[in-house]
């Protein structure tokens, strides 16, 4: 059987711009502008800021979907740059790389961890995911098939399984989070897990509207995912930052109720930075 396995990633050494579509801007506030936003990547395809060394070794890698990618935020105000700036002020000159990719599920991000991140011997892994998992759960299809599948069975289209229940898909996500933890532990890499925040304005967010499901149903699933993330972190002693607790229902941090604006990215840096600084200070992992 022929098969193609995808990695959701940006191309290495990319230097391009992207401008939000007018229809997209109609769903956002004025903290996102009708202008070109720079997307610059290093030798491994991770998004970097204008002053970052594209060949820096052993970075901390921040995995996530568009919430982490921060595509429509100035390149030097994105969350990873803010985290790096916090660490530098705390005495830690450690590069922090943005591995956020629009549309990535937790399974996509686990593939990135194993196939791409582990060989780089990262100083830490951060994971913020969930939005695209809700898309997957709303479709009723498994994490291995459908609209955003990580694997194509090129000559056997039905090989990847049948529809799963919502509870089954939620359990699958929890198992993948457990795999993140066990894999990082086996490779002696600190793993930091976070929740993600949002506000009622996200009901008009372009990404949420495409789900075609009732907002209250979507909200319930989002809250459930964050609760499950908290439980897994506590149950397994995983380093944890509750972004949702600090940023939930605060429109000043988001340009569309879901994606952080510059102020939101600064807040993320101020919340994740101290936890990473403590990890680096402990020297238990290095």
C-alpha atoms as a PDB file:
ATOM      1  CA  UNK A   1       0.000   0.000   0.000  1.00  0.00           C
ATOM      2  CA  UNK A   2       1.323   3.435  -0.934  1.00  0.00           C
ATOM      3  CA  UNK A   3       1.130   5.983   1.852  1.00  0.00           C
ATOM      4  CA  UNK A   4       2.087   9.611   2.329  1.00  0.00           C
ATOM      5  CA  UNK A   5       2.735  10.890   5.857  1.00  0.00           C
ATOM      6  CA  UNK A   6       2.495  14.652   6.314  1.00  0.00           C
ATOM      7  CA  UNK A   7       4.139  16.972   8.773  1.00  0.00           C
ATOM      8  CA  UNK A   8       2.255  20.198   9.426  1.00  0.00           C
ATOM      9  CA  UNK A   9       5.086  22.688   9.264  1.00  0.00           C
ATOM     10  CA  UNK A  10       6.379  25.811   7.572  1.00  0.00           C
ATOM     11  CA  UNK A  11       9.141  25.592   4.976  1.00  0.00           C
ATOM     12  CA  UNK A  12      12.707  26.208   6.235  1.00  0.00           C
ATOM     13  CA  UNK A  13      14.252  29.637   5.729  1.00  0.00           C
ATOM     14  CA  UNK A  14      11.020  31.170   4.526  1.00  0.00           C
ATOM     15  CA  UNK A  15      10.748  34.949   4.389  1.00  0.00           C
ATOM     16  CA  UNK A  16       7.353  36.037   3.145  1.00  0.00           C
ATOM     17  CA  UNK A  17       4.374  38.173   4.066  1.00  0.00           C
ATOM     18  CA  UNK A  18       0.688  37.512   4.495  1.00  0.00           C
ATOM     19  CA  UNK A  19      -2.156  40.017   4.532  1.00  0.00           C
ATOM     20  CA  UNK A  20      -5.504  39.279   6.198  1.00  0.00           C
ATOM     21  CA  UNK A  21      -8.419  39.031   3.811  1.00  0.00           C
ATOM     22  CA  UNK A  22     -11.042  41.823   4.127  1.00  0.00           C
ATOM     23  CA  UNK A  23     -13.729  39.259   4.976  1.00  0.00           C
ATOM     24  CA  UNK A  24     -11.503  37.962   7.780  1.00  0.00           C
ATOM     25  CA  UNK A  25     -10.932  41.484   9.095  1.00  0.00           C
ATOM     26  CA  UNK A  26     -14.693  41.923   9.353  1.00  0.00           C
ATOM     27  CA  UNK A  27     -14.688  39.331  12.159  1.00  0.00           C
ATOM     28  CA  UNK A  28     -11.869  41.041  14.093  1.00  0.00           C
ATOM     29  CA  UNK A  29     -11.256  44.195  16.116  1.00  0.00           C
ATOM     30  CA  UNK A  30      -8.788  46.977  15.316  1.00  0.00           C
ATOM     31  CA  UNK A  31      -5.788  45.256  16.928  1.00  0.00           C
ATOM     32  CA  UNK A  32      -5.314  43.420  13.619  1.00  0.00           C
ATOM     33  CA  UNK A  33      -4.588  45.679  10.650  1.00  0.00           C
ATOM     34  CA  UNK A  34      -4.981  45.500   6.890  1.00  0.00           C
ATOM     35  CA  UNK A  35      -1.246  45.204   6.305  1.00  0.00           C
ATOM     36  CA  UNK A  36       1.442  42.688   5.409  1.00  0.00           C
ATOM     37  CA  UNK A  37       2.653  40.539   8.315  1.00  0.00           C
ATOM     38  CA  UNK A  38       6.101  38.953   8.022  1.00  0.00           C
ATOM     39  CA  UNK A  39       6.480  35.184   8.349  1.00  0.00           C
ATOM     40  CA  UNK A  40      10.173  34.348   8.762  1.00  0.00           C
ATOM     41  CA  UNK A  41      11.450  30.848   9.572  1.00  0.00           C
ATOM     42  CA  UNK A  42      14.763  29.325  10.647  1.00  0.00           C
ATOM     43  CA  UNK A  43      16.670  26.388   9.134  1.00  0.00           C
ATOM     44  CA  UNK A  44      14.123  23.974  10.638  1.00  0.00           C
ATOM     45  CA  UNK A  45      10.971  25.794   9.531  1.00  0.00           C
ATOM     46  CA  UNK A  46      10.174  27.304  12.947  1.00  0.00           C
ATOM     47  CA  UNK A  47       8.853  30.876  12.988  1.00  0.00           C
ATOM     48  CA  UNK A  48      11.333  33.406  14.385  1.00  0.00           C
ATOM     49  CA  UNK A  49      11.575  37.133  15.054  1.00  0.00           C
ATOM     50  CA  UNK A  50      13.672  39.625  13.105  1.00  0.00           C
ATOM     51  CA  UNK A  51      16.579  39.482  15.580  1.00  0.00           C
ATOM     52  CA  UNK A  52      16.618  35.715  16.164  1.00  0.00           C
ATOM     53  CA  UNK A  53      19.551  33.572  15.041  1.00  0.00           C
ATOM     54  CA  UNK A  54      18.110  31.142  12.510  1.00  0.00           C
ATOM     55  CA  UNK A  55      20.818  28.569  13.283  1.00  0.00           C
ATOM     56  CA  UNK A  56      20.581  28.671  17.094  1.00  0.00           C
ATOM     57  CA  UNK A  57      20.991  25.274  18.772  1.00  0.00           C
ATOM     58  CA  UNK A  58      18.830  23.475  21.329  1.00  0.00           C
ATOM     59  CA  UNK A  59      15.829  25.799  21.441  1.00  0.00           C
ATOM     60  CA  UNK A  60      12.695  25.587  23.510  1.00  0.00           C
ATOM     61  CA  UNK A  61       9.979  24.666  20.995  1.00  0.00           C
ATOM     62  CA  UNK A  62       6.397  25.902  21.329  1.00  0.00           C
ATOM     63  CA  UNK A  63       3.972  23.570  19.526  1.00  0.00           C
ATOM     64  CA  UNK A  64       0.412  24.564  18.670  1.00  0.00           C
ATOM     65  CA  UNK A  65      -2.143  25.556  16.057  1.00  0.00           C
ATOM     66  CA  UNK A  66      -2.966  29.082  14.828  1.00  0.00           C
ATOM     67  CA  UNK A  67      -3.377  30.241  18.449  1.00  0.00           C
ATOM     68  CA  UNK A  68       0.399  29.727  18.840  1.00  0.00           C
ATOM     69  CA  UNK A  69       1.355  30.613  15.268  1.00  0.00           C
ATOM     70  CA  UNK A  70       0.264  34.270  15.757  1.00  0.00           C
ATOM     71  CA  UNK A  71       0.309  34.848  12.008  1.00  0.00           C
ATOM     72  CA  UNK A  72      -1.368  38.271  12.198  1.00  0.00           C
ATOM     73  CA  UNK A  73       0.840  39.686  14.951  1.00  0.00           C
ATOM     74  CA  UNK A  74       4.025  41.692  14.337  1.00  0.00           C
ATOM     75  CA  UNK A  75       6.958  39.280  14.058  1.00  0.00           C
ATOM     76  CA  UNK A  76       8.671  40.772  17.109  1.00  0.00           C
ATOM     77  CA  UNK A  77       5.539  40.706  19.275  1.00  0.00           C
ATOM     78  CA  UNK A  78       4.588  37.046  18.861  1.00  0.00           C
ATOM     79  CA  UNK A  79       4.312  34.874  21.964  1.00  0.00           C
ATOM     80  CA  UNK A  80       7.593  33.016  21.436  1.00  0.00           C
ATOM     81  CA  UNK A  81       9.511  36.283  21.098  1.00  0.00           C
ATOM     82  CA  UNK A  82       7.857  37.543  24.295  1.00  0.00           C
ATOM     83  CA  UNK A  83       8.780  34.321  26.124  1.00  0.00           C
ATOM     84  CA  UNK A  84      12.366  34.554  24.875  1.00  0.00           C
ATOM     85  CA  UNK A  85      12.544  38.180  25.983  1.00  0.00           C
ATOM     86  CA  UNK A  86      11.294  37.257  29.467  1.00  0.00           C
ATOM     87  CA  UNK A  87      13.876  34.470  29.772  1.00  0.00           C
ATOM     88  CA  UNK A  88      16.673  36.750  28.614  1.00  0.00           C
ATOM     89  CA  UNK A  89      15.726  39.329  31.246  1.00  0.00           C
ATOM     90  CA  UNK A  90      15.760  36.499  33.809  1.00  0.00           C
ATOM     91  CA  UNK A  91      19.298  35.545  32.807  1.00  0.00           C
ATOM     92  CA  UNK A  92      18.562  32.697  30.390  1.00  0.00           C
ATOM     93  CA  UNK A  93      19.735  33.164  26.799  1.00  0.00           C
ATOM     94  CA  UNK A  94      17.704  30.305  25.362  1.00  0.00           C
ATOM     95  CA  UNK A  95      16.086  30.564  21.924  1.00  0.00           C
ATOM     96  CA  UNK A  96      12.332  29.916  21.825  1.00  0.00           C
ATOM     97  CA  UNK A  97      10.933  28.695  18.525  1.00  0.00           C
ATOM     98  CA  UNK A  98       7.372  29.020  17.220  1.00  0.00           C
ATOM     99  CA  UNK A  99       6.152  25.671  15.851  1.00  0.00           C
ATOM    100  CA  UNK A 100       2.543  26.801  15.587  1.00  0.00           C
ATOM    101  CA  UNK A 101       0.778  25.792  12.373  1.00  0.00           C
ATOM    102  CA  UNK A 102      -2.754  26.654  11.326  1.00  0.00           C
ATOM    103  CA  UNK A 103      -4.982  23.586  11.362  1.00  0.00           C
ATOM    104  CA  UNK A 104      -2.757  21.365  13.516  1.00  0.00           C
ATOM    105  CA  UNK A 105      -4.422  18.835  15.813  1.00  0.00           C
ATOM    106  CA  UNK A 106      -2.727  17.379  18.887  1.00  0.00           C
ATOM    107  CA  UNK A 107      -1.879  14.299  16.807  1.00  0.00           C
ATOM    108  CA  UNK A 108      -0.251  16.474  14.123  1.00  0.00           C
ATOM    109  CA  UNK A 109       1.819  18.119  16.841  1.00  0.00           C
ATOM    110  CA  UNK A 110       2.869  14.784  18.331  1.00  0.00           C
ATOM    111  CA  UNK A 111       4.114  13.773  14.885  1.00  0.00           C
ATOM    112  CA  UNK A 112       6.168  16.971  14.804  1.00  0.00           C
ATOM    113  CA  UNK A 113       7.576  16.203  18.237  1.00  0.00           C
ATOM    114  CA  UNK A 114       8.789  12.730  17.268  1.00  0.00           C
ATOM    115  CA  UNK A 115       9.817  13.275  13.650  1.00  0.00           C
ATOM    116  CA  UNK A 116      11.236  16.785  13.835  1.00  0.00           C
ATOM    117  CA  UNK A 117      11.784  18.100  17.359  1.00  0.00           C
ATOM    118  CA  UNK A 118      13.480  15.200  19.167  1.00  0.00           C
ATOM    119  CA  UNK A 119      16.574  15.161  16.902  1.00  0.00           C
ATOM    120  CA  UNK A 120      17.161  18.832  17.783  1.00  0.00           C
ATOM    121  CA  UNK A 121      17.577  17.971  21.495  1.00  0.00           C
ATOM    122  CA  UNK A 122      15.326  20.860  22.575  1.00  0.00           C
ATOM    123  CA  UNK A 123      15.731  22.465  25.979  1.00  0.00           C
ATOM    124  CA  UNK A 124      11.972  22.200  26.456  1.00  0.00           C
ATOM    125  CA  UNK A 125       8.650  21.522  24.735  1.00  0.00           C
ATOM    126  CA  UNK A 126       5.550  23.684  25.251  1.00  0.00           C
ATOM    127  CA  UNK A 127       2.158  22.542  23.976  1.00  0.00           C
ATOM    128  CA  UNK A 128      -1.022  24.590  23.540  1.00  0.00           C
ATOM    129  CA  UNK A 129      -3.644  22.741  21.509  1.00  0.00           C
ATOM    130  CA  UNK A 130      -7.354  22.083  21.401  1.00  0.00           C
ATOM    131  CA  UNK A 131      -9.131  24.259  18.840  1.00  0.00           C
ATOM    132  CA  UNK A 132      -8.476  21.918  15.919  1.00  0.00           C
ATOM    133  CA  UNK A 133      -9.216  18.911  18.097  1.00  0.00           C
ATOM    134  CA  UNK A 134     -12.740  20.290  18.485  1.00  0.00           C
ATOM    135  CA  UNK A 135     -12.964  20.496  14.684  1.00  0.00           C
ATOM    136  CA  UNK A 136     -11.957  16.848  14.559  1.00  0.00           C
ATOM    137  CA  UNK A 137     -14.422  15.862  17.300  1.00  0.00           C
ATOM    138  CA  UNK A 138     -17.227  17.804  15.614  1.00  0.00           C
ATOM    139  CA  UNK A 139     -16.634  15.862  12.383  1.00  0.00           C
ATOM    140  CA  UNK A 140     -17.109  12.501  14.092  1.00  0.00           C
ATOM    141  CA  UNK A 141     -14.043  11.175  12.279  1.00  0.00           C
ATOM    142  CA  UNK A 142     -10.916   9.799  13.891  1.00  0.00           C
ATOM    143  CA  UNK A 143      -7.752  11.853  14.335  1.00  0.00           C
ATOM    144  CA  UNK A 144      -6.258   9.792  11.490  1.00  0.00           C
ATOM    145  CA  UNK A 145      -8.720  10.645   8.732  1.00  0.00           C
ATOM    146  CA  UNK A 146     -10.908  13.312   7.184  1.00  0.00           C
ATOM    147  CA  UNK A 147     -10.372  16.917   6.218  1.00  0.00           C
ATOM    148  CA  UNK A 148      -7.080  17.457   8.034  1.00  0.00           C
ATOM    149  CA  UNK A 149      -5.716  13.920   8.180  1.00  0.00           C
ATOM    150  CA  UNK A 150      -1.987  13.431   8.832  1.00  0.00           C
ATOM    151  CA  UNK A 151      -1.884  10.305   6.659  1.00  0.00           C
ATOM    152  CA  UNK A 152      -3.235   9.565   3.193  1.00  0.00           C
ATOM    153  CA  UNK A 153      -3.750   5.964   2.139  1.00  0.00           C
ATOM    154  CA  UNK A 154      -3.108   6.678  -1.509  1.00  0.00           C
ATOM    155  CA  UNK A 155      -4.547   3.497  -3.000  1.00  0.00           C
ATOM    156  CA  UNK A 156      -6.751   2.325  -0.146  1.00  0.00           C
ATOM    157  CA  UNK A 157      -8.974   5.256   0.885  1.00  0.00           C
ATOM    158  CA  UNK A 158     -10.960   3.442   3.592  1.00  0.00           C
ATOM    159  CA  UNK A 159      -8.020   1.982   5.504  1.00  0.00           C
ATOM    160  CA  UNK A 160      -7.990   4.602   8.260  1.00  0.00           C
ATOM    161  CA  UNK A 161     -11.041   3.635  10.243  1.00  0.00           C
ATOM    162  CA  UNK A 162     -14.670   4.524  10.830  1.00  0.00           C
ATOM    163  CA  UNK A 163     -16.393   7.346  12.665  1.00  0.00           C
ATOM    164  CA  UNK A 164     -15.825   7.571  16.412  1.00  0.00           C
ATOM    165  CA  UNK A 165     -18.052   8.916  19.164  1.00  0.00           C
ATOM    166  CA  UNK A 166     -17.247  12.282  20.702  1.00  0.00           C
ATOM    167  CA  UNK A 167     -16.258  10.623  23.987  1.00  0.00           C
ATOM    168  CA  UNK A 168     -14.004   8.238  22.096  1.00  0.00           C
ATOM    169  CA  UNK A 169     -12.278  11.099  20.309  1.00  0.00           C
ATOM    170  CA  UNK A 170     -11.828  12.979  23.576  1.00  0.00           C
ATOM    171  CA  UNK A 171     -10.235   9.888  25.123  1.00  0.00           C
ATOM    172  CA  UNK A 172      -7.920   9.641  22.110  1.00  0.00           C
ATOM    173  CA  UNK A 173      -6.792  13.233  22.630  1.00  0.00           C
ATOM    174  CA  UNK A 174      -6.074  12.527  26.295  1.00  0.00           C
ATOM    175  CA  UNK A 175      -4.007   9.495  25.302  1.00  0.00           C
ATOM    176  CA  UNK A 176      -1.968  11.605  22.873  1.00  0.00           C
ATOM    177  CA  UNK A 177      -1.254  14.107  25.662  1.00  0.00           C
ATOM    178  CA  UNK A 178      -0.019  11.182  27.753  1.00  0.00           C
ATOM    179  CA  UNK A 179       2.261  10.229  24.866  1.00  0.00           C
ATOM    180  CA  UNK A 180       3.683  13.764  24.812  1.00  0.00           C
ATOM    181  CA  UNK A 181       4.534  13.458  28.493  1.00  0.00           C
ATOM    182  CA  UNK A 182       6.039   9.976  28.317  1.00  0.00           C
ATOM    183  CA  UNK A 183       8.048  10.752  25.170  1.00  0.00           C
ATOM    184  CA  UNK A 184       9.534  13.941  26.608  1.00  0.00           C
ATOM    185  CA  UNK A 185      10.325  12.121  29.858  1.00  0.00           C
ATOM    186  CA  UNK A 186      12.085   9.296  28.000  1.00  0.00           C
ATOM    187  CA  UNK A 187      14.220  11.814  26.124  1.00  0.00           C
ATOM    188  CA  UNK A 188      14.906  13.917  29.227  1.00  0.00           C
ATOM    189  CA  UNK A 189      13.094  16.966  27.864  1.00  0.00           C
ATOM    190  CA  UNK A 190      10.945  19.145  30.151  1.00  0.00           C
ATOM    191  CA  UNK A 191       7.358  19.281  28.916  1.00  0.00           C
ATOM    192  CA  UNK A 192       5.062  22.204  29.697  1.00  0.00           C
ATOM    193  CA  UNK A 193       1.347  21.925  28.963  1.00  0.00           C
ATOM    194  CA  UNK A 194      -1.142  24.803  28.841  1.00  0.00           C
ATOM    195  CA  UNK A 195      -4.830  25.464  28.420  1.00  0.00           C
ATOM    196  CA  UNK A 196      -6.025  28.134  25.960  1.00  0.00           C
ATOM    197  CA  UNK A 197      -8.343  31.057  26.503  1.00  0.00           C
ATOM    198  CA  UNK A 198     -11.136  32.659  24.489  1.00  0.00           C
ATOM    199  CA  UNK A 199     -14.056  35.069  24.838  1.00  0.00           C
ATOM    200  CA  UNK A 200     -17.705  35.104  23.658  1.00  0.00           C
ATOM    201  CA  UNK A 201     -16.561  37.139  20.645  1.00  0.00           C
ATOM    202  CA  UNK A 202     -15.143  33.964  19.161  1.00  0.00           C
ATOM    203  CA  UNK A 203     -18.671  32.994  18.051  1.00  0.00           C
ATOM    204  CA  UNK A 204     -18.031  35.276  15.036  1.00  0.00           C
ATOM    205  CA  UNK A 205     -14.432  34.108  14.563  1.00  0.00           C
ATOM    206  CA  UNK A 206     -13.923  32.859  11.004  1.00  0.00           C
ATOM    207  CA  UNK A 207     -12.515  29.528  12.180  1.00  0.00           C
ATOM    208  CA  UNK A 208     -15.349  28.806  14.604  1.00  0.00           C
ATOM    209  CA  UNK A 209     -18.058  29.727  12.090  1.00  0.00           C
ATOM    210  CA  UNK A 210     -16.757  27.086   9.689  1.00  0.00           C
ATOM    211  CA  UNK A 211     -17.639  24.364  12.200  1.00  0.00           C
ATOM    212  CA  UNK A 212     -21.314  24.850  11.473  1.00  0.00           C
ATOM    213  CA  UNK A 213     -22.245  23.774  14.998  1.00  0.00           C
ATOM    214  CA  UNK A 214     -24.119  25.557  17.750  1.00  0.00           C
ATOM    215  CA  UNK A 215     -21.925  27.970  19.714  1.00  0.00           C
ATOM    216  CA  UNK A 216     -23.100  26.624  23.073  1.00  0.00           C
ATOM    217  CA  UNK A 217     -22.128  23.124  21.979  1.00  0.00           C
ATOM    218  CA  UNK A 218     -18.725  24.390  20.839  1.00  0.00           C
ATOM    219  CA  UNK A 219     -18.237  26.284  24.116  1.00  0.00           C
ATOM    220  CA  UNK A 220     -19.029  23.192  26.156  1.00  0.00           C
ATOM    221  CA  UNK A 221     -16.464  21.178  24.242  1.00  0.00           C
ATOM    222  CA  UNK A 222     -13.809  23.873  24.614  1.00  0.00           C
ATOM    223  CA  UNK A 223     -14.331  24.035  28.375  1.00  0.00           C
ATOM    224  CA  UNK A 224     -14.240  20.238  28.559  1.00  0.00           C
ATOM    225  CA  UNK A 225     -10.932  20.083  26.696  1.00  0.00           C
ATOM    226  CA  UNK A 226      -9.346  22.625  29.035  1.00  0.00           C
ATOM    227  CA  UNK A 227     -10.627  20.712  32.070  1.00  0.00           C
ATOM    228  CA  UNK A 228      -9.184  17.473  30.687  1.00  0.00           C
ATOM    229  CA  UNK A 229      -5.851  19.202  30.062  1.00  0.00           C
ATOM    230  CA  UNK A 230      -5.752  20.433  33.664  1.00  0.00           C
ATOM    231  CA  UNK A 231      -6.550  16.947  34.943  1.00  0.00           C
ATOM    232  CA  UNK A 232      -3.844  15.255  32.874  1.00  0.00           C
ATOM    233  CA  UNK A 233      -1.242  17.803  33.963  1.00  0.00           C
ATOM    234  CA  UNK A 234      -2.132  17.367  37.635  1.00  0.00           C
ATOM    235  CA  UNK A 235      -2.414  13.582  37.426  1.00  0.00           C
ATOM    236  CA  UNK A 236       1.007  13.192  35.808  1.00  0.00           C
ATOM    237  CA  UNK A 237       2.953  15.983  37.486  1.00  0.00           C
ATOM    238  CA  UNK A 238       3.397  17.825  34.184  1.00  0.00           C
ATOM    239  CA  UNK A 239       4.637  21.410  34.207  1.00  0.00           C
ATOM    240  CA  UNK A 240       1.508  23.461  33.617  1.00  0.00           C
ATOM    241  CA  UNK A 241       0.356  27.017  32.915  1.00  0.00           C
ATOM    242  CA  UNK A 242      -3.376  27.765  32.958  1.00  0.00           C
ATOM    243  CA  UNK A 243      -3.627  30.409  30.242  1.00  0.00           C
ATOM    244  CA  UNK A 244      -7.414  30.080  30.216  1.00  0.00           C
ATOM    245  CA  UNK A 245      -7.709  30.955  33.899  1.00  0.00           C
ATOM    246  CA  UNK A 246      -5.723  34.164  33.387  1.00  0.00           C
ATOM    247  CA  UNK A 247      -7.025  35.197  29.960  1.00  0.00           C
ATOM    248  CA  UNK A 248     -10.555  33.796  29.693  1.00  0.00           C
ATOM    249  CA  UNK A 249     -13.302  36.265  28.664  1.00  0.00           C
ATOM    250  CA  UNK A 250     -10.864  39.198  28.415  1.00  0.00           C
ATOM    251  CA  UNK A 251     -11.274  40.737  24.973  1.00  0.00           C
ATOM    252  CA  UNK A 252      -8.212  42.960  25.351  1.00  0.00           C
ATOM    253  CA  UNK A 253      -6.028  39.885  24.732  1.00  0.00           C
ATOM    254  CA  UNK A 254      -7.626  38.726  21.455  1.00  0.00           C
ATOM    255  CA  UNK A 255      -8.352  40.244  18.065  1.00  0.00           C
ATOM    256  CA  UNK A 256     -11.274  37.881  17.369  1.00  0.00           C
ATOM    257  CA  UNK A 257     -12.066  36.254  20.703  1.00  0.00           C
ATOM    258  CA  UNK A 258      -9.738  33.325  19.998  1.00  0.00           C
ATOM    259  CA  UNK A 259      -6.402  34.381  18.502  1.00  0.00           C
ATOM    260  CA  UNK A 260      -4.098  36.479  20.717  1.00  0.00           C
ATOM    261  CA  UNK A 261      -3.192  39.994  19.612  1.00  0.00           C
ATOM    262  CA  UNK A 262       0.086  41.688  20.567  1.00  0.00           C
ATOM    263  CA  UNK A 263      -1.139  42.354  24.088  1.00  0.00           C
ATOM    264  CA  UNK A 264      -2.282  38.751  24.418  1.00  0.00           C
ATOM    265  CA  UNK A 265       1.097  37.475  23.244  1.00  0.00           C
ATOM    266  CA  UNK A 266       2.807  39.653  25.856  1.00  0.00           C
ATOM    267  CA  UNK A 267       0.498  38.167  28.503  1.00  0.00           C
ATOM    268  CA  UNK A 268       1.356  34.641  27.360  1.00  0.00           C
ATOM    269  CA  UNK A 269       5.042  35.503  27.629  1.00  0.00           C
ATOM    270  CA  UNK A 270       4.532  36.842  31.155  1.00  0.00           C
ATOM    271  CA  UNK A 271       2.679  33.656  32.179  1.00  0.00           C
ATOM    272  CA  UNK A 272       4.836  30.986  30.530  1.00  0.00           C
ATOM    273  CA  UNK A 273       8.170  32.768  31.010  1.00  0.00           C
ATOM    274  CA  UNK A 274       8.334  32.411  34.826  1.00  0.00           C
ATOM    275  CA  UNK A 275       7.542  28.680  34.703  1.00  0.00           C
ATOM    276  CA  UNK A 276      10.242  28.088  32.090  1.00  0.00           C
ATOM    277  CA  UNK A 277      12.683  30.193  34.091  1.00  0.00           C
ATOM    278  CA  UNK A 278      12.104  27.977  37.140  1.00  0.00           C
ATOM    279  CA  UNK A 279      12.708  24.885  35.027  1.00  0.00           C
ATOM    280  CA  UNK A 280      15.956  26.315  33.671  1.00  0.00           C
ATOM    281  CA  UNK A 281      17.044  27.430  37.148  1.00  0.00           C
ATOM    282  CA  UNK A 282      16.513  23.928  38.550  1.00  0.00           C
ATOM    283  CA  UNK A 283      19.112  22.429  36.182  1.00  0.00           C
ATOM    284  CA  UNK A 284      17.407  19.060  36.723  1.00  0.00           C
ATOM    285  CA  UNK A 285      17.126  18.431  33.011  1.00  0.00           C
ATOM    286  CA  UNK A 286      20.392  19.730  31.601  1.00  0.00           C
END
